[in-house]
Amino acid sequence: MVKRAIRNRRVKLFSSGRNQAVRIPVEFELPGNEAIMHRDGERLVIEPVRKRGLLALLKSMKPMKEGFPEIPDFASPPERVF
């Protein structure tokens, strides 16, 4: 089943205590229970909070252009215990 992209939908604003709120329609729901909000000119942008774990960090890293330097082996000689 192919989902059709929904571009715009008119929504109602309402007051919730001292805050203005908007009910997000199901087709625009964000994952998780937190979001980041910022202004972009006259636009109000709401984005999901991306979980930043080790895998996300590793995926964001670029390969190094230079190799690792040679490291001399300073291993201690084996000791006789018994």
Protein backbone atom coordinates (compact mmCIF):
# COMPACT_ATOMS: atom_id res chain seq x y z
CA MET A 1 0.00 0.00 0.00
CA VAL A 2 1.48 3.34 -1.06
CA LYS A 3 0.78 6.29 1.21
CA ARG A 4 -0.10 9.52 -0.52
CA ALA A 5 1.91 12.52 0.69
CA ILE A 6 -0.28 15.08 2.41
CA ARG A 7 1.05 18.58 1.91
CA ASN A 8 -1.33 20.86 3.81
CA ARG A 9 -4.21 20.57 6.20
CA ARG A 10 -6.01 23.37 8.00
CA VAL A 11 -6.07 22.86 11.79
CA LYS A 12 -7.63 24.75 14.69
CA LEU A 13 -5.58 26.49 17.35
CA PHE A 14 -6.85 26.46 20.93
CA SER A 15 -5.76 27.52 24.39
CA SER A 16 -4.50 25.04 26.95
CA GLY A 17 -3.88 26.92 30.18
CA ARG A 18 -1.55 29.80 29.30
CA ASN A 19 -0.28 28.07 26.14
CA GLN A 20 -1.55 28.04 22.60
CA ALA A 21 -1.92 24.50 21.26
CA VAL A 22 -2.71 22.65 18.05
CA ARG A 23 -4.04 19.10 17.76
CA ILE A 24 -1.80 17.20 15.35
CA PRO A 25 -3.84 15.07 12.90
CA VAL A 26 -2.95 11.37 12.77
CA GLU A 27 -1.36 11.65 9.31
CA PHE A 28 1.17 14.16 10.71
CA GLU A 29 1.97 12.37 14.00
CA LEU A 30 5.61 12.38 15.07
CA PRO A 31 7.38 9.40 16.63
CA GLY A 32 8.22 9.45 20.33
CA ASN A 33 6.96 11.78 23.03
CA GLU A 34 9.22 14.83 22.50
CA ALA A 35 9.77 17.28 19.65
CA ILE A 36 11.92 20.29 18.84
CA MET A 37 10.16 23.50 17.81
CA HIS A 38 11.70 26.56 16.15
CA ARG A 39 10.73 29.47 13.95
CA ASP A 40 11.80 29.79 10.34
CA GLY A 41 10.66 33.27 9.37
CA GLU A 42 6.87 33.20 9.69
CA ARG A 43 6.81 29.40 9.83
CA LEU A 44 6.68 27.32 13.00
CA VAL A 45 8.64 24.09 12.51
CA ILE A 46 8.13 21.02 14.72
CA GLU A 47 10.58 18.14 14.31
CA PRO A 48 10.91 14.82 16.14
CA VAL A 49 13.75 14.46 18.62
CA ARG A 50 16.25 12.04 17.15
CA LYS A 51 17.64 9.54 19.60
CA ARG A 52 21.40 9.92 19.65
CA GLY A 53 22.96 6.59 20.49
CA LEU A 54 26.23 4.98 19.55
CA LEU A 55 24.85 3.64 16.26
CA ALA A 56 23.61 7.10 15.23
CA LEU A 57 27.02 8.56 16.10
CA LEU A 58 28.87 5.89 14.11
CA LYS A 59 26.59 6.41 11.10
CA SER A 60 27.32 10.15 11.16
CA MET A 61 31.11 9.69 11.15
CA LYS A 62 33.12 9.99 7.94
CA PRO A 63 36.11 7.73 7.16
CA MET A 64 39.51 9.18 7.99
CA LYS A 65 41.59 10.27 5.00
CA GLU A 66 44.91 9.57 6.67
CA GLY A 67 45.86 6.21 8.11
CA PHE A 68 46.92 5.46 11.65
CA PRO A 69 50.64 5.99 12.39
CA GLU A 70 52.87 3.01 13.03
CA ILE A 71 53.05 2.26 16.76
CA PRO A 72 56.12 0.44 18.05
CA ASP A 73 55.45 -2.69 20.09
CA PHE A 74 56.69 -2.03 23.64
CA ALA A 75 55.51 -5.36 24.96
CA SER A 76 57.28 -6.56 28.09
CA PRO A 77 59.17 -9.81 27.91
CA PRO A 78 57.20 -12.74 29.37
CA GLU A 79 57.73 -13.38 33.06
CA ARG A 80 58.18 -16.76 34.59
CA VAL A 81 55.65 -17.13 37.37
CA PHE A 82 56.39 -20.62 38.69
